[in-house]
PDB file of N, CA and C in Angstrom:
ATOM      1  N   ILE A   1       0.881  -1.087   0.054  1.00  0.00           N
ATOM      2  CA  ILE A   1       0.019   0.030   0.010  1.00  0.00           C
ATOM      3  C   ILE A   1       0.934   1.236   0.032  1.00  0.00           C
ATOM      4  N   GLN A   2       0.648   2.113  -0.888  1.00  0.00           N
ATOM      5  CA  GLN A   2       1.430   3.293  -0.928  1.00  0.00           C
ATOM      6  C   GLN A   2       0.466   4.431  -0.491  1.00  0.00           C
ATOM      7  N   PHE A   3       1.153   5.404   0.288  1.00  0.00           N
ATOM      8  CA  PHE A   3       0.360   6.508   0.807  1.00  0.00           C
ATOM      9  C   PHE A   3       1.246   7.745   0.580  1.00  0.00           C
ATOM     10  N   ASP A   4       0.842   8.693  -0.231  1.00  0.00           N
ATOM     11  CA  ASP A   4       1.568   9.926  -0.507  1.00  0.00           C
ATOM     12  C   ASP A   4       0.945  10.946   0.470  1.00  0.00           C
ATOM     13  N   PRO A   5       1.501  11.458   1.493  1.00  0.00           N
ATOM     14  CA  PRO A   5       0.947  12.550   2.338  1.00  0.00           C
ATOM     15  C   PRO A   5       0.610  13.834   1.494  1.00  0.00           C
ATOM     16  N   LYS A   6       1.542  14.204   0.591  1.00  0.00           N
ATOM     17  CA  LYS A   6       1.247  15.428  -0.188  1.00  0.00           C
ATOM     18  C   LYS A   6      -0.046  15.341  -0.970  1.00  0.00           C
ATOM     19  N   LYS A   7      -0.106  13.999  -1.663  1.00  0.00           N
ATOM     20  CA  LYS A   7      -1.351  13.994  -2.554  1.00  0.00           C
ATOM     21  C   LYS A   7      -2.599  13.863  -1.714  1.00  0.00           C
ATOM     22  N   GLN A   8      -2.556  13.292  -0.552  1.00  0.00           N
ATOM     23  CA  GLN A   8      -3.702  13.104   0.265  1.00  0.00           C
ATOM     24  C   GLN A   8      -4.103  14.430   0.862  1.00  0.00           C
ATOM     25  N   ALA A   9      -3.100  15.258   1.245  1.00  0.00           N
ATOM     26  CA  ALA A   9      -3.373  16.603   1.727  1.00  0.00           C
ATOM     27  C   ALA A   9      -4.021  17.431   0.627  1.00  0.00           C
ATOM     28  N   ASP A  10      -3.578  17.362  -0.628  1.00  0.00           N
ATOM     29  CA  ASP A  10      -4.173  18.095  -1.681  1.00  0.00           C
ATOM     30  C   ASP A  10      -5.642  17.585  -1.896  1.00  0.00           C
ATOM     31  N   ILE A  11      -5.919  16.303  -1.869  1.00  0.00           N
ATOM     32  CA  ILE A  11      -7.098  15.788  -2.066  1.00  0.00           C
ATOM     33  C   ILE A  11      -8.183  16.233  -0.974  1.00  0.00           C
ATOM     34  N   LEU A  12      -7.729  16.265   0.305  1.00  0.00           N
ATOM     35  CA  LEU A  12      -8.466  16.719   1.370  1.00  0.00           C
ATOM     36  C   LEU A  12      -8.844  18.246   1.316  1.00  0.00           C
ATOM     37  N   GLN A  13      -7.901  19.008   0.773  1.00  0.00           N
ATOM     38  CA  GLN A  13      -8.125  20.381   0.637  1.00  0.00           C
ATOM     39  C   GLN A  13      -9.082  20.739  -0.482  1.00  0.00           C
ATOM     40  N   ARG A  14      -8.933  19.964  -1.578  1.00  0.00           N
ATOM     41  CA  ARG A  14      -9.816  20.150  -2.726  1.00  0.00           C
ATOM     42  C   ARG A  14     -11.273  19.773  -2.396  1.00  0.00           C
ATOM     43  N   GLN A  15     -11.492  18.656  -1.612  1.00  0.00           N
ATOM     44  CA  GLN A  15     -12.740  18.208  -1.339  1.00  0.00           C
ATOM     45  C   GLN A  15     -13.397  18.974  -0.086  1.00  0.00           C
ATOM     46  N   GLY A  16     -12.634  19.822   0.460  1.00  0.00           N
ATOM     47  CA  GLY A  16     -13.178  20.626   1.652  1.00  0.00           C
ATOM     48  C   GLY A  16     -12.976  19.960   2.924  1.00  0.00           C
ATOM     49  N   GLY A  17     -12.267  18.800   2.959  1.00  0.00           N
ATOM     50  CA  GLY A  17     -12.102  18.068   4.272  1.00  0.00           C
ATOM     51  C   GLY A  17     -10.934  18.679   4.956  1.00  0.00           C
ATOM     52  N   PHE A  18     -10.741  18.326   6.172  1.00  0.00           N
ATOM     53  CA  PHE A  18      -9.676  18.863   7.024  1.00  0.00           C
ATOM     54  C   PHE A  18      -9.480  17.823   8.225  1.00  0.00           C
ATOM     55  N   VAL A  19      -8.287  17.861   8.779  1.00  0.00           N
ATOM     56  CA  VAL A  19      -8.017  17.231   9.921  1.00  0.00           C
ATOM     57  C   VAL A  19      -8.147  18.168  11.207  1.00  0.00           C
ATOM     58  N   PRO A  20      -9.056  17.797  12.159  1.00  0.00           N
ATOM     59  CA  PRO A  20      -9.320  18.710  13.168  1.00  0.00           C
ATOM     60  C   PRO A  20      -8.093  19.051  13.889  1.00  0.00           C
ATOM     61  N   GLY A  21      -7.938  20.479  14.139  1.00  0.00           N
ATOM     62  CA  GLY A  21      -6.677  20.927  14.785  1.00  0.00           C
ATOM     63  C   GLY A  21      -5.522  21.138  13.932  1.00  0.00           C
ATOM     64  N   VAL A  22      -5.720  20.899  12.643  1.00  0.00           N
ATOM     65  CA  VAL A  22      -4.519  21.065  11.746  1.00  0.00           C
ATOM     66  C   VAL A  22      -5.026  21.922  10.557  1.00  0.00           C
ATOM     67  N   ARG A  23      -4.193  22.896  10.214  1.00  0.00           N
ATOM     68  CA  ARG A  23      -4.590  23.753   9.068  1.00  0.00           C
ATOM     69  C   ARG A  23      -4.420  22.945   7.711  1.00  0.00           C
ATOM     70  N   PRO A  24      -5.329  23.227   6.722  1.00  0.00           N
ATOM     71  CA  PRO A  24      -5.224  22.599   5.419  1.00  0.00           C
ATOM     72  C   PRO A  24      -3.923  23.049   4.779  1.00  0.00           C
ATOM     73  N   GLY A  25      -3.497  22.175   3.848  1.00  0.00           N
ATOM     74  CA  GLY A  25      -2.316  22.419   3.004  1.00  0.00           C
ATOM     75  C   GLY A  25      -1.052  21.719   3.549  1.00  0.00           C
ATOM     76  N   THR A  26       0.019  22.483   3.678  1.00  0.00           N
ATOM     77  CA  THR A  26       1.388  21.982   4.037  1.00  0.00           C
ATOM     78  C   THR A  26       1.321  21.545   5.644  1.00  0.00           C
ATOM     79  N   ALA A  27       0.570  22.172   6.347  1.00  0.00           N
ATOM     80  CA  ALA A  27       0.555  21.608   7.779  1.00  0.00           C
ATOM     81  C   ALA A  27      -0.190  20.243   7.917  1.00  0.00           C
ATOM     82  N   THR A  28      -1.150  20.008   7.086  1.00  0.00           N
ATOM     83  CA  THR A  28      -1.883  18.717   6.954  1.00  0.00           C
ATOM     84  C   THR A  28      -0.794  17.641   6.353  1.00  0.00           C
ATOM     85  N   GLU A  29      -0.111  18.076   5.370  1.00  0.00           N
ATOM     86  CA  GLU A  29       0.908  17.155   4.726  1.00  0.00           C
ATOM     87  C   GLU A  29       1.987  16.750   5.801  1.00  0.00           C
ATOM     88  N   ARG A  30       2.463  17.784   6.598  1.00  0.00           N
ATOM     89  CA  ARG A  30       3.424  17.433   7.623  1.00  0.00           C
ATOM     90  C   ARG A  30       2.825  16.411   8.690  1.00  0.00           C
ATOM     91  N   HIS A  31       1.514  16.750   9.132  1.00  0.00           N
ATOM     92  CA  HIS A  31       0.788  15.887  10.022  1.00  0.00           C
ATOM     93  C   HIS A  31       0.601  14.457   9.536  1.00  0.00           C
ATOM     94  N   LEU A  32       0.239  14.306   8.261  1.00  0.00           N
ATOM     95  CA  LEU A  32       0.142  13.075   7.704  1.00  0.00           C
ATOM     96  C   LEU A  32       1.417  12.298   7.698  1.00  0.00           C
ATOM     97  N   GLU A  33       2.482  12.938   7.330  1.00  0.00           N
ATOM     98  CA  GLU A  33       3.838  12.320   7.341  1.00  0.00           C
ATOM     99  C   GLU A  33       4.307  11.900   8.637  1.00  0.00           C
ATOM    100  N   HIS A  34       3.929  12.750   9.689  1.00  0.00           N
ATOM    101  CA  HIS A  34       4.259  12.327  11.128  1.00  0.00           C
ATOM    102  C   HIS A  34       3.470  11.045  11.372  1.00  0.00           C
ATOM    103  N   ILE A  35       2.235  11.151  11.187  1.00  0.00           N
ATOM    104  CA  ILE A  35       1.404   9.863  11.476  1.00  0.00           C
ATOM    105  C   ILE A  35       1.866   8.700  10.824  1.00  0.00           C
ATOM    106  N   LEU A  36       2.225   8.766   9.563  1.00  0.00           N
ATOM    107  CA  LEU A  36       2.739   7.680   8.741  1.00  0.00           C
ATOM    108  C   LEU A  36       4.070   7.079   9.328  1.00  0.00           C
ATOM    109  N   ASN A  37       4.853   8.010   9.804  1.00  0.00           N
ATOM    110  CA  ASN A  37       6.139   7.604  10.426  1.00  0.00           C
ATOM    111  C   ASN A  37       5.915   6.834  11.718  1.00  0.00           C
ATOM    112  N   ARG A  38       4.943   7.308  12.483  1.00  0.00           N
ATOM    113  CA  ARG A  38       4.577   6.654  13.749  1.00  0.00           C
ATOM    114  C   ARG A  38       4.051   5.296  13.512  1.00  0.00           C
ATOM    115  N   ILE A  39       3.435   5.108  12.377  1.00  0.00           N
ATOM    116  CA  ILE A  39       2.802   3.713  12.171  1.00  0.00           C
ATOM    117  C   ILE A  39       3.789   2.772  11.523  1.00  0.00           C
ATOM    118  N   THR A  40       4.553   3.210  10.541  1.00  0.00           N
ATOM    119  CA  THR A  40       5.506   2.375   9.824  1.00  0.00           C
ATOM    120  C   THR A  40       6.624   1.924  10.548  1.00  0.00           C
ATOM    121  N   LEU A  41       7.270   2.882  11.445  1.00  0.00           N
ATOM    122  CA  LEU A  41       8.405   2.452  12.124  1.00  0.00           C
ATOM    123  C   LEU A  41       8.266   1.304  13.106  1.00  0.00           C
ATOM    124  N   PRO A  42       7.227   1.311  13.955  1.00  0.00           N
ATOM    125  CA  PRO A  42       7.148   0.152  14.908  1.00  0.00           C
ATOM    126  C   PRO A  42       6.716  -1.071  14.013  1.00  0.00           C
ATOM    127  N   GLY A  43       5.982  -0.926  13.065  1.00  0.00           N
ATOM    128  CA  GLY A  43       5.692  -2.213  12.118  1.00  0.00           C
ATOM    129  C   GLY A  43       6.869  -2.743  11.549  1.00  0.00           C
ATOM    130  N   ALA A  44       7.875  -1.940  11.107  1.00  0.00           N
ATOM    131  CA  ALA A  44       8.974  -2.363  10.424  1.00  0.00           C
ATOM    132  C   ALA A  44       9.914  -3.104  11.408  1.00  0.00           C
ATOM    133  N   LEU A  45       9.961  -2.486  12.616  1.00  0.00           N
ATOM    134  CA  LEU A  45      10.762  -3.082  13.664  1.00  0.00           C
ATOM    135  C   LEU A  45      10.199  -4.501  14.096  1.00  0.00           C
ATOM    136  N   PHE A  46       8.873  -4.550  14.221  1.00  0.00           N
ATOM    137  CA  PHE A  46       8.299  -5.808  14.571  1.00  0.00           C
ATOM    138  C   PHE A  46       8.511  -6.890  13.590  1.00  0.00           C
ATOM    139  N   LEU A  47       8.367  -6.532  12.278  1.00  0.00           N
ATOM    140  CA  LEU A  47       8.679  -7.485  11.244  1.00  0.00           C
ATOM    141  C   LEU A  47       9.994  -7.911  11.237  1.00  0.00           C
ATOM    142  N   GLY A  48      10.976  -7.027  11.501  1.00  0.00           N
ATOM    143  CA  GLY A  48      12.398  -7.378  11.656  1.00  0.00           C
ATOM    144  C   GLY A  48      12.640  -8.421  12.756  1.00  0.00           C
ATOM    145  N   VAL A  49      11.973  -8.142  13.934  1.00  0.00           N
ATOM    146  CA  VAL A  49      12.123  -9.083  15.089  1.00  0.00           C
ATOM    147  C   VAL A  49      11.502 -10.416  14.762  1.00  0.00           C
ATOM    148  N   ILE A  50      10.300 -10.406  14.247  1.00  0.00           N
ATOM    149  CA  ILE A  50       9.736 -11.680  13.774  1.00  0.00           C
ATOM    150  C   ILE A  50      10.578 -12.444  12.787  1.00  0.00           C
ATOM    151  N   THR A  51      11.232 -11.773  11.953  1.00  0.00           N
ATOM    152  CA  THR A  51      11.996 -12.513  10.860  1.00  0.00           C
ATOM    153  C   THR A  51      13.236 -13.100  11.501  1.00  0.00           C
ATOM    154  N   ILE A  52      13.924 -12.351  12.391  1.00  0.00           N
ATOM    155  CA  ILE A  52      15.151 -12.919  13.052  1.00  0.00           C
ATOM    156  C   ILE A  52      14.908 -13.763  14.189  1.00  0.00           C
ATOM    157  N   ALA A  53      13.794 -13.685  14.901  1.00  0.00           N
ATOM    158  CA  ALA A  53      13.566 -14.490  16.113  1.00  0.00           C
ATOM    159  C   ALA A  53      13.745 -15.972  16.052  1.00  0.00           C
ATOM    160  N   PRO A  54      13.232 -16.615  14.899  1.00  0.00           N
ATOM    161  CA  PRO A  54      13.541 -18.109  14.919  1.00  0.00           C
ATOM    162  C   PRO A  54      14.984 -18.415  14.824  1.00  0.00           C
ATOM    163  N   SER A  55      15.795 -17.724  14.023  1.00  0.00           N
ATOM    164  CA  SER A  55      17.170 -17.896  14.038  1.00  0.00           C
ATOM    165  C   SER A  55      17.928 -17.780  15.354  1.00  0.00           C
ATOM    166  N   LEU A  56      17.437 -16.739  16.112  1.00  0.00           N
ATOM    167  CA  LEU A  56      18.071 -16.495  17.314  1.00  0.00           C
ATOM    168  C   LEU A  56      17.741 -17.579  18.344  1.00  0.00           C
ATOM    169  N   VAL A  57      16.581 -18.041  18.351  1.00  0.00           N
ATOM    170  CA  VAL A  57      16.059 -19.073  19.233  1.00  0.00           C
ATOM    171  C   VAL A  57      16.911 -20.297  18.803  1.00  0.00           C
ATOM    172  N   GLY A  58      16.981 -20.604  17.565  1.00  0.00           N
ATOM    173  CA  GLY A  58      17.856 -21.804  17.084  1.00  0.00           C
ATOM    174  C   GLY A  58      19.247 -21.716  17.720  1.00  0.00           C
ATOM    175  N   LEU A  59      19.922 -20.536  17.583  1.00  0.00           N
ATOM    176  CA  LEU A  59      21.234 -20.356  18.014  1.00  0.00           C
ATOM    177  C   LEU A  59      21.405 -20.491  19.540  1.00  0.00           C
ATOM    178  N   ALA A  60      20.355 -19.871  20.204  1.00  0.00           N
ATOM    179  CA  ALA A  60      20.433 -19.913  21.672  1.00  0.00           C
ATOM    180  C   ALA A  60      20.285 -21.296  22.362  1.00  0.00           C
ATOM    181  N   TYR A  61      19.418 -22.074  21.736  1.00  0.00           N
ATOM    182  CA  TYR A  61      19.060 -23.386  22.256  1.00  0.00           C
ATOM    183  C   TYR A  61      19.780 -24.584  21.465  1.00  0.00           C
ATOM    184  N   GLY A  62      20.500 -24.224  20.398  1.00  0.00           N
ATOM    185  CA  GLY A  62      21.106 -25.251  19.657  1.00  0.00           C
ATOM    186  C   GLY A  62      20.138 -26.078  18.838  1.00  0.00           C
ATOM    187  N   ILE A  63      18.999 -25.605  18.440  1.00  0.00           N
ATOM    188  CA  ILE A  63      18.072 -26.350  17.673  1.00  0.00           C
ATOM    189  C   ILE A  63      18.148 -25.893  16.269  1.00  0.00           C
ATOM    190  N   THR A  64      17.990 -26.827  15.378  1.00  0.00           N
ATOM    191  CA  THR A  64      17.857 -26.411  14.044  1.00  0.00           C
ATOM    192  C   THR A  64      16.499 -26.141  13.661  1.00  0.00           C
ATOM    193  N   VAL A  65      16.290 -24.947  13.124  1.00  0.00           N
ATOM    194  CA  VAL A  65      14.822 -24.306  12.921  1.00  0.00           C
ATOM    195  C   VAL A  65      14.472 -24.847  11.536  1.00  0.00           C
ATOM    196  N   ALA A  66      13.420 -25.492  11.422  1.00  0.00           N
ATOM    197  CA  ALA A  66      12.908 -25.919  10.212  1.00  0.00           C
ATOM    198  C   ALA A  66      12.315 -24.824   9.272  1.00  0.00           C
ATOM    199  N   PHE A  67      12.026 -23.698   9.899  1.00  0.00           N
ATOM    200  CA  PHE A  67      11.392 -22.725   9.101  1.00  0.00           C
ATOM    201  C   PHE A  67      12.004 -21.349   9.527  1.00  0.00           C
ATOM    202  N   SER A  68      12.070 -20.400   8.571  1.00  0.00           N
ATOM    203  CA  SER A  68      12.638 -19.102   8.914  1.00  0.00           C
ATOM    204  C   SER A  68      11.512 -18.101   9.334  1.00  0.00           C
ATOM    205  N   GLY A  69      11.903 -16.923   9.641  1.00  0.00           N
ATOM    206  CA  GLY A  69      10.908 -15.915  10.006  1.00  0.00           C
ATOM    207  C   GLY A  69      10.063 -15.554   8.840  1.00  0.00           C
ATOM    208  N   VAL A  70      10.718 -15.484   7.783  1.00  0.00           N
ATOM    209  CA  VAL A  70       9.987 -15.066   6.403  1.00  0.00           C
ATOM    210  C   VAL A  70       8.963 -16.131   6.123  1.00  0.00           C
ATOM    211  N   SER A  71       9.249 -17.406   6.298  1.00  0.00           N
ATOM    212  CA  SER A  71       8.249 -18.530   6.037  1.00  0.00           C
ATOM    213  C   SER A  71       7.056 -18.299   7.073  1.00  0.00           C
ATOM    214  N   LEU A  72       7.460 -17.889   8.232  1.00  0.00           N
ATOM    215  CA  LEU A  72       6.357 -17.830   9.324  1.00  0.00           C
ATOM    216  C   LEU A  72       5.502 -16.721   9.005  1.00  0.00           C
ATOM    217  N   LEU A  73       6.039 -15.566   8.346  1.00  0.00           N
ATOM    218  CA  LEU A  73       5.189 -14.458   7.988  1.00  0.00           C
ATOM    219  C   LEU A  73       4.300 -14.843   6.830  1.00  0.00           C
ATOM    220  N   ILE A  74       4.804 -15.687   5.894  1.00  0.00           N
ATOM    221  CA  ILE A  74       4.056 -16.015   4.812  1.00  0.00           C
ATOM    222  C   ILE A  74       2.926 -16.874   5.234  1.00  0.00           C
ATOM    223  N   VAL A  75       3.152 -17.849   6.055  1.00  0.00           N
ATOM    224  CA  VAL A  75       2.209 -18.810   6.537  1.00  0.00           C
ATOM    225  C   VAL A  75       1.019 -18.155   7.252  1.00  0.00           C
ATOM    226  N   VAL A  76       1.503 -17.218   8.133  1.00  0.00           N
ATOM    227  CA  VAL A  76       0.426 -16.345   8.947  1.00  0.00           C
ATOM    228  C   VAL A  76      -0.361 -15.491   7.931  1.00  0.00           C
ATOM    229  N   GLY A  77       0.279 -14.834   6.953  1.00  0.00           N
ATOM    230  CA  GLY A  77      -0.499 -14.040   5.996  1.00  0.00           C
ATOM    231  C   GLY A  77      -1.507 -14.891   5.265  1.00  0.00           C
ATOM    232  N   VAL A  78      -1.049 -15.989   4.730  1.00  0.00           N
ATOM    233  CA  VAL A  78      -2.040 -16.958   3.992  1.00  0.00           C
ATOM    234  C   VAL A  78      -3.109 -17.417   4.902  1.00  0.00           C
ATOM    235  N   ALA A  79      -2.919 -17.788   6.120  1.00  0.00           N
ATOM    236  CA  ALA A  79      -3.867 -18.147   6.995  1.00  0.00           C
ATOM    237  C   ALA A  79      -4.880 -17.143   7.330  1.00  0.00           C
ATOM    238  N   LEU A  80      -4.452 -15.896   7.568  1.00  0.00           N
ATOM    239  CA  LEU A  80      -5.424 -14.767   7.702  1.00  0.00           C
ATOM    240  C   LEU A  80      -6.240 -14.496   6.540  1.00  0.00           C
ATOM    241  N   GLU A  81      -5.663 -14.516   5.366  1.00  0.00           N
ATOM    242  CA  GLU A  81      -6.477 -14.314   4.093  1.00  0.00           C
ATOM    243  C   GLU A  81      -7.412 -15.494   3.986  1.00  0.00           C
ATOM    244  N   THR A  82      -7.041 -16.673   4.226  1.00  0.00           N
ATOM    245  CA  THR A  82      -7.951 -17.796   4.102  1.00  0.00           C
ATOM    246  C   THR A  82      -9.162 -17.685   5.045  1.00  0.00           C
ATOM    247  N   MET A  83      -8.840 -17.218   6.260  1.00  0.00           N
ATOM    248  CA  MET A  83      -9.903 -16.984   7.261  1.00  0.00           C
ATOM    249  C   MET A  83     -10.889 -15.878   6.668  1.00  0.00           C
ATOM    250  N   LYS A  84     -10.396 -14.761   6.210  1.00  0.00           N
ATOM    251  CA  LYS A  84     -11.128 -13.762   5.583  1.00  0.00           C
ATOM    252  C   LYS A  84     -12.207 -14.274   4.494  1.00  0.00           C
ATOM    253  N   GLN A  85     -11.526 -15.180   3.449  1.00  0.00           N
ATOM    254  CA  GLN A  85     -12.218 -15.724   2.399  1.00  0.00           C
ATOM    255  C   GLN A  85     -13.369 -16.626   2.999  1.00  0.00           C
ATOM    256  N   ILE A  86     -13.076 -17.431   3.995  1.00  0.00           N
ATOM    257  CA  ILE A  86     -14.116 -18.352   4.546  1.00  0.00           C
ATOM    258  C   ILE A  86     -15.267 -17.496   5.175  1.00  0.00           C
ATOM    259  N   GLU A  87     -14.874 -16.480   5.939  1.00  0.00           N
ATOM    260  CA  GLU A  87     -15.877 -15.672   6.593  1.00  0.00           C
ATOM    261  C   GLU A  87     -16.747 -14.913   5.530  1.00  0.00           C
ATOM    262  N   SER A  88     -16.252 -14.504   4.402  1.00  0.00           N
ATOM    263  CA  SER A  88     -17.037 -13.753   3.350  1.00  0.00           C
ATOM    264  C   SER A  88     -17.959 -14.756   2.677  1.00  0.00           C
ATOM    265  N   GLN A  89     -17.456 -16.124   2.492  1.00  0.00           N
ATOM    266  CA  GLN A  89     -18.255 -17.036   1.852  1.00  0.00           C
ATOM    267  C   GLN A  89     -19.494 -17.446   2.666  1.00  0.00           C
ATOM    268  N   LEU A  90     -19.197 -17.498   4.080  1.00  0.00           N
ATOM    269  CA  LEU A  90     -20.195 -17.856   4.992  1.00  0.00           C
ATOM    270  C   LEU A  90     -21.294 -16.757   5.138  1.00  0.00           C
ATOM    271  N   THR A  91     -20.824 -15.479   5.088  1.00  0.00           N
ATOM    272  CA  THR A  91     -21.676 -14.362   5.104  1.00  0.00           C
ATOM    273  C   THR A  91     -22.542 -14.312   3.857  1.00  0.00           C
ATOM    274  N   LEU A  92     -21.995 -14.654   2.718  1.00  0.00           N
ATOM    275  CA  LEU A  92     -22.697 -14.669   1.524  1.00  0.00           C
ATOM    276  C   LEU A  92     -23.800 -15.754   1.434  1.00  0.00           C
ATOM    277  N   ARG A  93     -23.333 -16.810   1.961  1.00  0.00           N
ATOM    278  CA  ARG A  93     -24.319 -18.078   1.945  1.00  0.00           C
ATOM    279  C   ARG A  93     -25.473 -17.773   2.822  1.00  0.00           C
ATOM    280  N   ASN A  94     -25.326 -17.106   4.015  1.00  0.00           N
ATOM    281  CA  ASN A  94     -26.377 -16.865   4.947  1.00  0.00           C
ATOM    282  C   ASN A  94     -27.148 -15.579   4.653  1.00  0.00           C
ATOM    283  N   TYR A  95     -26.767 -14.844   3.664  1.00  0.00           N
ATOM    284  CA  TYR A  95     -27.404 -13.556   3.325  1.00  0.00           C
ATOM    285  C   TYR A  95     -28.634 -13.833   2.536  1.00  0.00           C
ATOM    286  N   GLU A  96     -29.827 -13.311   3.079  1.00  0.00           N
ATOM    287  CA  GLU A  96     -31.094 -13.551   2.537  1.00  0.00           C
ATOM    288  C   GLU A  96     -31.525 -12.439   1.368  1.00  0.00           C
ATOM    289  N   GLY A  97     -30.894 -11.286   1.604  1.00  0.00           N
ATOM    290  CA  GLY A  97     -31.313 -10.211   0.664  1.00  0.00           C
ATOM    291  C   GLY A  97     -32.403  -9.509   1.024  1.00  0.00           C
ATOM    292  N   PHE A  98     -32.792  -8.547   0.173  1.00  0.00           N
ATOM    293  CA  PHE A  98     -33.861  -7.590   0.574  1.00  0.00           C
ATOM    294  C   PHE A  98     -35.177  -8.051  -0.055  1.00  0.00           C
ATOM    295  N   LEU A  99     -35.203  -8.954  -1.171  1.00  0.00           N
ATOM    296  CA  LEU A  99     -36.334  -9.291  -1.789  1.00  0.00           C
ATOM    297  C   LEU A  99     -37.008 -10.592  -1.388  1.00  0.00           C
ATOM    298  N   THR A 100     -36.367 -11.310  -0.361  1.00  0.00           N
ATOM    299  CA  THR A 100     -36.968 -12.575  -0.031  1.00  0.00           C
ATOM    300  C   THR A 100     -37.845 -12.367   1.210  1.00  0.00           C
TER     301      THR A 100
END
């Protein structure tokens, strides 16, 4: 997902929207950049820890790790997406609609 704070600030200003307590224009752009950095930095650090953790555990306890951190991230991502798909299918199956 790509998020361009300058573009979003321009879109907000053109549509008459605003962030409460922040002036439209460059102040909104700086505010959005600040929020984006506050969100992405911890997420990136967390992903780094998750990626390295299996190797560190393997080294600390002398165990050979059958999967790496990247494999773990892929498995969890696929499992979450599969759960979303199943939930949407069950919702669709149980949906009666407006005309019945």
